[in-house]
Amino acid sequence: MANEELKFEQAMKNLTAVVEKLEAGNVPLDEALRYYEEGMKLIRFCTACLDEAEQRIEAVRRTDNGFVTEPFGE
């Protein structure tokens, strides 16, 4: 599955599976390295998804003139 088609939830599920396999500790070194590389790609993908979502979130704030929206965290 290409990263463009991958959804955040599926990437997290795949990442969890990779971590479980690595934590089990019963995989050969070359396979463990492949899992590690796959996990790092998934982490980068998930981080990018979260960064994008954070930029899209707006906070609603009450003012004397009513309510205004502004980027979250400002």
PDB file of N, CA and C in Angstrom:
ATOM      1  N   MET A   1       0.847  -1.190   0.000  1.00  0.00           N
ATOM      2  CA  MET A   1       0.000   0.000   0.000  1.00  0.00           C
ATOM      3  C   MET A   1       0.881   1.238   0.000  1.00  0.00           C
ATOM      4  N   ALA A   2       0.681   2.110  -0.947  1.00  0.00           N
ATOM      5  CA  ALA A   2       1.473   3.336  -1.044  1.00  0.00           C
ATOM      6  C   ALA A   2       1.073   4.298   0.065  1.00  0.00           C
ATOM      7  N   ASN A   3       2.035   5.127   0.491  1.00  0.00           N
ATOM      8  CA  ASN A   3       1.767   6.077   1.560  1.00  0.00           C
ATOM      9  C   ASN A   3       0.612   7.010   1.227  1.00  0.00           C
ATOM     10  N   GLU A   4       0.434   7.381  -0.062  1.00  0.00           N
ATOM     11  CA  GLU A   4      -0.641   8.288  -0.430  1.00  0.00           C
ATOM     12  C   GLU A   4      -1.997   7.662  -0.131  1.00  0.00           C
ATOM     13  N   GLU A   5      -2.074   6.346  -0.222  1.00  0.00           N
ATOM     14  CA  GLU A   5      -3.324   5.635  -0.001  1.00  0.00           C
ATOM     15  C   GLU A   5      -3.503   5.253   1.466  1.00  0.00           C
ATOM     16  N   LEU A   6      -2.449   5.304   2.231  1.00  0.00           N
ATOM     17  CA  LEU A   6      -2.473   4.874   3.617  1.00  0.00           C
ATOM     18  C   LEU A   6      -3.178   5.911   4.477  1.00  0.00           C
ATOM     19  N   LYS A   7      -4.052   5.461   5.335  1.00  0.00           N
ATOM     20  CA  LYS A   7      -4.744   6.338   6.274  1.00  0.00           C
ATOM     21  C   LYS A   7      -4.032   6.269   7.618  1.00  0.00           C
ATOM     22  N   PHE A   8      -4.183   7.321   8.410  1.00  0.00           N
ATOM     23  CA  PHE A   8      -3.517   7.407   9.705  1.00  0.00           C
ATOM     24  C   PHE A   8      -3.827   6.189  10.579  1.00  0.00           C
ATOM     25  N   GLU A   9      -5.095   5.827  10.671  1.00  0.00           N
ATOM     26  CA  GLU A   9      -5.491   4.728  11.546  1.00  0.00           C
ATOM     27  C   GLU A   9      -4.840   3.415  11.125  1.00  0.00           C
ATOM     28  N   GLN A  10      -4.789   3.165   9.821  1.00  0.00           N
ATOM     29  CA  GLN A  10      -4.161   1.936   9.330  1.00  0.00           C
ATOM     30  C   GLN A  10      -2.658   1.974   9.567  1.00  0.00           C
ATOM     31  N   ALA A  11      -2.052   3.136   9.389  1.00  0.00           N
ATOM     32  CA  ALA A  11      -0.616   3.269   9.639  1.00  0.00           C
ATOM     33  C   ALA A  11      -0.302   2.983  11.105  1.00  0.00           C
ATOM     34  N   MET A  12      -1.140   3.481  12.010  1.00  0.00           N
ATOM     35  CA  MET A  12      -0.927   3.216  13.435  1.00  0.00           C
ATOM     36  C   MET A  12      -1.084   1.728  13.741  1.00  0.00           C
ATOM     37  N   LYS A  13      -2.052   1.098  13.110  1.00  0.00           N
ATOM     38  CA  LYS A  13      -2.259  -0.343  13.301  1.00  0.00           C
ATOM     39  C   LYS A  13      -1.028  -1.111  12.799  1.00  0.00           C
ATOM     40  N   ASN A  14      -0.527  -0.726  11.624  1.00  0.00           N
ATOM     41  CA  ASN A  14       0.665  -1.369  11.070  1.00  0.00           C
ATOM     42  C   ASN A  14       1.877  -1.136  11.967  1.00  0.00           C
ATOM     43  N   LEU A  15       2.005   0.078  12.486  1.00  0.00           N
ATOM     44  CA  LEU A  15       3.124   0.402  13.367  1.00  0.00           C
ATOM     45  C   LEU A  15       3.064  -0.427  14.645  1.00  0.00           C
ATOM     46  N   THR A  16       1.879  -0.588  15.201  1.00  0.00           N
ATOM     47  CA  THR A  16       1.715  -1.411  16.403  1.00  0.00           C
ATOM     48  C   THR A  16       2.150  -2.847  16.129  1.00  0.00           C
ATOM     49  N   ALA A  17       1.782  -3.372  14.972  1.00  0.00           N
ATOM     50  CA  ALA A  17       2.172  -4.737  14.608  1.00  0.00           C
ATOM     51  C   ALA A  17       3.688  -4.854  14.481  1.00  0.00           C
ATOM     52  N   VAL A  18       4.325  -3.855  13.888  1.00  0.00           N
ATOM     53  CA  VAL A  18       5.783  -3.856  13.740  1.00  0.00           C
ATOM     54  C   VAL A  18       6.450  -3.843  15.113  1.00  0.00           C
ATOM     55  N   VAL A  19       5.966  -2.980  15.992  1.00  0.00           N
ATOM     56  CA  VAL A  19       6.543  -2.880  17.338  1.00  0.00           C
ATOM     57  C   VAL A  19       6.394  -4.205  18.081  1.00  0.00           C
ATOM     58  N   GLU A  20       5.227  -4.819  17.979  1.00  0.00           N
ATOM     59  CA  GLU A  20       5.007  -6.105  18.649  1.00  0.00           C
ATOM     60  C   GLU A  20       5.977  -7.166  18.140  1.00  0.00           C
ATOM     61  N   LYS A  21       6.206  -7.197  16.834  1.00  0.00           N
ATOM     62  CA  LYS A  21       7.141  -8.174  16.264  1.00  0.00           C
ATOM     63  C   LYS A  21       8.557  -7.921  16.768  1.00  0.00           C
ATOM     64  N   LEU A  22       8.953  -6.652  16.818  1.00  0.00           N
ATOM     65  CA  LEU A  22      10.304  -6.333  17.294  1.00  0.00           C
ATOM     66  C   LEU A  22      10.449  -6.616  18.788  1.00  0.00           C
ATOM     67  N   GLU A  23       9.410  -6.318  19.564  1.00  0.00           N
ATOM     68  CA  GLU A  23       9.478  -6.562  21.003  1.00  0.00           C
ATOM     69  C   GLU A  23       9.502  -8.045  21.335  1.00  0.00           C
ATOM     70  N   ALA A  24       8.927  -8.870  20.464  1.00  0.00           N
ATOM     71  CA  ALA A  24       8.934 -10.313  20.702  1.00  0.00           C
ATOM     72  C   ALA A  24      10.366 -10.845  20.721  1.00  0.00           C
ATOM     73  N   GLY A  25      11.228 -10.198  19.944  1.00  0.00           N
ATOM     74  CA  GLY A  25      12.646 -10.529  19.968  1.00  0.00           C
ATOM     75  C   GLY A  25      13.032 -11.844  19.323  1.00  0.00           C
ATOM     76  N   ASN A  26      12.135 -12.454  18.585  1.00  0.00           N
ATOM     77  CA  ASN A  26      12.458 -13.751  17.989  1.00  0.00           C
ATOM     78  C   ASN A  26      12.541 -13.695  16.466  1.00  0.00           C
ATOM     79  N   VAL A  27      12.943 -12.543  15.931  1.00  0.00           N
ATOM     80  CA  VAL A  27      13.107 -12.419  14.483  1.00  0.00           C
ATOM     81  C   VAL A  27      14.591 -12.299  14.162  1.00  0.00           C
ATOM     82  N   PRO A  28      15.008 -12.855  13.037  1.00  0.00           N
ATOM     83  CA  PRO A  28      16.409 -12.732  12.632  1.00  0.00           C
ATOM     84  C   PRO A  28      16.784 -11.264  12.421  1.00  0.00           C
ATOM     85  N   LEU A  29      18.062 -10.976  12.526  1.00  0.00           N
ATOM     86  CA  LEU A  29      18.553  -9.604  12.446  1.00  0.00           C
ATOM     87  C   LEU A  29      18.130  -8.907  11.162  1.00  0.00           C
ATOM     88  N   ASP A  30      18.283  -9.555  10.013  1.00  0.00           N
ATOM     89  CA  ASP A  30      17.927  -8.894   8.752  1.00  0.00           C
ATOM     90  C   ASP A  30      16.437  -8.571   8.695  1.00  0.00           C
ATOM     91  N   GLU A  31      15.613  -9.450   9.233  1.00  0.00           N
ATOM     92  CA  GLU A  31      14.173  -9.200   9.278  1.00  0.00           C
ATOM     93  C   GLU A  31      13.855  -8.077  10.273  1.00  0.00           C
ATOM     94  N   ALA A  32      14.556  -8.062  11.394  1.00  0.00           N
ATOM     95  CA  ALA A  32      14.368  -7.005  12.392  1.00  0.00           C
ATOM     96  C   ALA A  32      14.725  -5.645  11.800  1.00  0.00           C
ATOM     97  N   LEU A  33      15.772  -5.597  11.003  1.00  0.00           N
ATOM     98  CA  LEU A  33      16.154  -4.340  10.351  1.00  0.00           C
ATOM     99  C   LEU A  33      15.080  -3.870   9.374  1.00  0.00           C
ATOM    100  N   ARG A  34      14.492  -4.803   8.633  1.00  0.00           N
ATOM    101  CA  ARG A  34      13.402  -4.440   7.715  1.00  0.00           C
ATOM    102  C   ARG A  34      12.204  -3.906   8.497  1.00  0.00           C
ATOM    103  N   TYR A  35      11.873  -4.566   9.614  1.00  0.00           N
ATOM    104  CA  TYR A  35      10.767  -4.081  10.452  1.00  0.00           C
ATOM    105  C   TYR A  35      11.080  -2.693  11.001  1.00  0.00           C
ATOM    106  N   TYR A  36      12.318  -2.496  11.431  1.00  0.00           N
ATOM    107  CA  TYR A  36      12.727  -1.190  11.964  1.00  0.00           C
ATOM    108  C   TYR A  36      12.557  -0.104  10.905  1.00  0.00           C
ATOM    109  N   GLU A  37      13.039  -0.375   9.692  1.00  0.00           N
ATOM    110  CA  GLU A  37      12.926   0.601   8.605  1.00  0.00           C
ATOM    111  C   GLU A  37      11.465   0.886   8.270  1.00  0.00           C
ATOM    112  N   GLU A  38      10.654  -0.166   8.231  1.00  0.00           N
ATOM    113  CA  GLU A  38       9.225   0.011   7.970  1.00  0.00           C
ATOM    114  C   GLU A  38       8.584   0.843   9.085  1.00  0.00           C
ATOM    115  N   GLY A  39       8.954   0.547  10.319  1.00  0.00           N
ATOM    116  CA  GLY A  39       8.422   1.294  11.457  1.00  0.00           C
ATOM    117  C   GLY A  39       8.785   2.765  11.394  1.00  0.00           C
ATOM    118  N   MET A  40      10.016   3.064  11.005  1.00  0.00           N
ATOM    119  CA  MET A  40      10.441   4.465  10.912  1.00  0.00           C
ATOM    120  C   MET A  40       9.658   5.201   9.823  1.00  0.00           C
ATOM    121  N   LYS A  41       9.401   4.528   8.697  1.00  0.00           N
ATOM    122  CA  LYS A  41       8.591   5.145   7.640  1.00  0.00           C
ATOM    123  C   LYS A  41       7.179   5.424   8.148  1.00  0.00           C
ATOM    124  N   LEU A  42       6.622   4.467   8.889  1.00  0.00           N
ATOM    125  CA  LEU A  42       5.276   4.652   9.429  1.00  0.00           C
ATOM    126  C   LEU A  42       5.238   5.786  10.449  1.00  0.00           C
ATOM    127  N   ILE A  43       6.276   5.890  11.269  1.00  0.00           N
ATOM    128  CA  ILE A  43       6.344   6.979  12.252  1.00  0.00           C
ATOM    129  C   ILE A  43       6.376   8.329  11.540  1.00  0.00           C
ATOM    130  N   ARG A  44       7.192   8.441  10.505  1.00  0.00           N
ATOM    131  CA  ARG A  44       7.260   9.707   9.757  1.00  0.00           C
ATOM    132  C   ARG A  44       5.905  10.044   9.125  1.00  0.00           C
ATOM    133  N   PHE A  45       5.254   9.034   8.568  1.00  0.00           N
ATOM    134  CA  PHE A  45       3.941   9.236   7.956  1.00  0.00           C
ATOM    135  C   PHE A  45       2.928   9.706   9.000  1.00  0.00           C
ATOM    136  N   CYS A  46       2.884   9.025  10.147  1.00  0.00           N
ATOM    137  CA  CYS A  46       1.929   9.387  11.203  1.00  0.00           C
ATOM    138  C   CYS A  46       2.216  10.777  11.756  1.00  0.00           C
ATOM    139  N   THR A  47       3.483  11.098  11.925  1.00  0.00           N
ATOM    140  CA  THR A  47       3.854  12.425  12.420  1.00  0.00           C
ATOM    141  C   THR A  47       3.398  13.503  11.443  1.00  0.00           C
ATOM    142  N   ALA A  48       3.576  13.262  10.156  1.00  0.00           N
ATOM    143  CA  ALA A  48       3.134  14.229   9.144  1.00  0.00           C
ATOM    144  C   ALA A  48       1.614  14.389   9.182  1.00  0.00           C
ATOM    145  N   CYS A  49       0.895  13.283   9.356  1.00  0.00           N
ATOM    146  CA  CYS A  49      -0.569  13.358   9.454  1.00  0.00           C
ATOM    147  C   CYS A  49      -0.990  14.186  10.654  1.00  0.00           C
ATOM    148  N   LEU A  50      -0.351  13.955  11.788  1.00  0.00           N
ATOM    149  CA  LEU A  50      -0.689  14.701  13.004  1.00  0.00           C
ATOM    150  C   LEU A  50      -0.338  16.177  12.869  1.00  0.00           C
ATOM    151  N   ASP A  51       0.799  16.472  12.254  1.00  0.00           N
ATOM    152  CA  ASP A  51       1.189  17.869  12.033  1.00  0.00           C
ATOM    153  C   ASP A  51       0.161  18.582  11.154  1.00  0.00           C
ATOM    154  N   GLU A  52      -0.282  17.901  10.107  1.00  0.00           N
ATOM    155  CA  GLU A  52      -1.279  18.486   9.209  1.00  0.00           C
ATOM    156  C   GLU A  52      -2.605  18.705   9.940  1.00  0.00           C
ATOM    157  N   ALA A  53      -3.012  17.736  10.736  1.00  0.00           N
ATOM    158  CA  ALA A  53      -4.262  17.870  11.491  1.00  0.00           C
ATOM    159  C   ALA A  53      -4.169  19.025  12.478  1.00  0.00           C
ATOM    160  N   GLU A  54      -3.032  19.167  13.132  1.00  0.00           N
ATOM    161  CA  GLU A  54      -2.848  20.247  14.098  1.00  0.00           C
ATOM    162  C   GLU A  54      -2.996  21.613  13.426  1.00  0.00           C
ATOM    163  N   GLN A  55      -2.498  21.733  12.209  1.00  0.00           N
ATOM    164  CA  GLN A  55      -2.593  23.000  11.485  1.00  0.00           C
ATOM    165  C   GLN A  55      -4.034  23.321  11.095  1.00  0.00           C
ATOM    166  N   ARG A  56      -4.860  22.294  10.979  1.00  0.00           N
ATOM    167  CA  ARG A  56      -6.245  22.502  10.555  1.00  0.00           C
ATOM    168  C   ARG A  56      -7.184  22.781  11.724  1.00  0.00           C
ATOM    169  N   ILE A  57      -6.754  22.489  12.927  1.00  0.00           N
ATOM    170  CA  ILE A  57      -7.612  22.669  14.097  1.00  0.00           C
ATOM    171  C   ILE A  57      -7.675  24.142  14.466  1.00  0.00           C
ATOM    172  N   GLU A  58      -8.864  24.601  14.730  1.00  0.00           N
ATOM    173  CA  GLU A  58      -9.049  25.976  15.167  1.00  0.00           C
ATOM    174  C   GLU A  58      -9.657  25.977  16.564  1.00  0.00           C
ATOM    175  N   ALA A  59      -9.283  26.962  17.341  1.00  0.00           N
ATOM    176  CA  ALA A  59      -9.852  27.137  18.669  1.00  0.00           C
ATOM    177  C   ALA A  59     -10.935  28.210  18.589  1.00  0.00           C
ATOM    178  N   VAL A  60     -11.995  28.004  19.347  1.00  0.00           N
ATOM    179  CA  VAL A  60     -13.052  29.005  19.425  1.00  0.00           C
ATOM    180  C   VAL A  60     -12.841  29.766  20.725  1.00  0.00           C
ATOM    181  N   ARG A  61     -12.794  31.086  20.623  1.00  0.00           N
ATOM    182  CA  ARG A  61     -12.536  31.926  21.789  1.00  0.00           C
ATOM    183  C   ARG A  61     -13.638  32.970  21.893  1.00  0.00           C
ATOM    184  N   ARG A  62     -14.089  33.184  23.118  1.00  0.00           N
ATOM    185  CA  ARG A  62     -15.118  34.204  23.354  1.00  0.00           C
ATOM    186  C   ARG A  62     -14.449  35.561  23.517  1.00  0.00           C
ATOM    187  N   THR A  63     -15.000  36.549  22.845  1.00  0.00           N
ATOM    188  CA  THR A  63     -14.526  37.930  22.980  1.00  0.00           C
ATOM    189  C   THR A  63     -15.708  38.803  23.393  1.00  0.00           C
ATOM    190  N   ASP A  64     -15.440  40.064  23.620  1.00  0.00           N
ATOM    191  CA  ASP A  64     -16.520  41.002  23.954  1.00  0.00           C
ATOM    192  C   ASP A  64     -17.529  41.127  22.815  1.00  0.00           C
ATOM    193  N   ASN A  65     -17.084  40.861  21.602  1.00  0.00           N
ATOM    194  CA  ASN A  65     -17.943  40.986  20.422  1.00  0.00           C
ATOM    195  C   ASN A  65     -18.554  39.662  19.981  1.00  0.00           C
ATOM    196  N   GLY A  66     -18.402  38.613  20.761  1.00  0.00           N
ATOM    197  CA  GLY A  66     -18.941  37.306  20.390  1.00  0.00           C
ATOM    198  C   GLY A  66     -17.848  36.256  20.392  1.00  0.00           C
ATOM    199  N   PHE A  67     -17.889  35.392  19.406  1.00  0.00           N
ATOM    200  CA  PHE A  67     -16.920  34.311  19.306  1.00  0.00           C
ATOM    201  C   PHE A  67     -16.047  34.509  18.075  1.00  0.00           C
ATOM    202  N   VAL A  68     -14.789  34.136  18.199  1.00  0.00           N
ATOM    203  CA  VAL A  68     -13.865  34.161  17.066  1.00  0.00           C
ATOM    204  C   VAL A  68     -13.127  32.831  17.027  1.00  0.00           C
ATOM    205  N   THR A  69     -12.682  32.474  15.846  1.00  0.00           N
ATOM    206  CA  THR A  69     -11.843  31.282  15.720  1.00  0.00           C
ATOM    207  C   THR A  69     -10.431  31.726  15.395  1.00  0.00           C
ATOM    208  N   GLU A  70      -9.487  30.951  15.872  1.00  0.00           N
ATOM    209  CA  GLU A  70      -8.075  31.233  15.609  1.00  0.00           C
ATOM    210  C   GLU A  70      -7.336  29.907  15.600  1.00  0.00           C
ATOM    211  N   PRO A  71      -6.177  29.874  14.981  1.00  0.00           N
ATOM    212  CA  PRO A  71      -5.401  28.632  14.982  1.00  0.00           C
ATOM    213  C   PRO A  71      -5.168  28.146  16.412  1.00  0.00           C
ATOM    214  N   PHE A  72      -5.303  26.863  16.606  1.00  0.00           N
ATOM    215  CA  PHE A  72      -5.138  26.267  17.928  1.00  0.00           C
ATOM    216  C   PHE A  72      -3.719  26.480  18.427  1.00  0.00           C
ATOM    217  N   GLY A  73      -3.582  26.815  19.687  1.00  0.00           N
ATOM    218  CA  GLY A  73      -2.277  26.964  20.307  1.00  0.00           C
ATOM    219  C   GLY A  73      -1.736  28.373  20.306  1.00  0.00           C
ATOM    220  N   GLU A  74      -2.466  29.322  19.771  1.00  0.00           N
ATOM    221  CA  GLU A  74      -1.977  30.712  19.761  1.00  0.00           C
ATOM    222  C   GLU A  74      -2.568  31.482  20.909  1.00  0.00           C
TER     223      GLU A  74
END
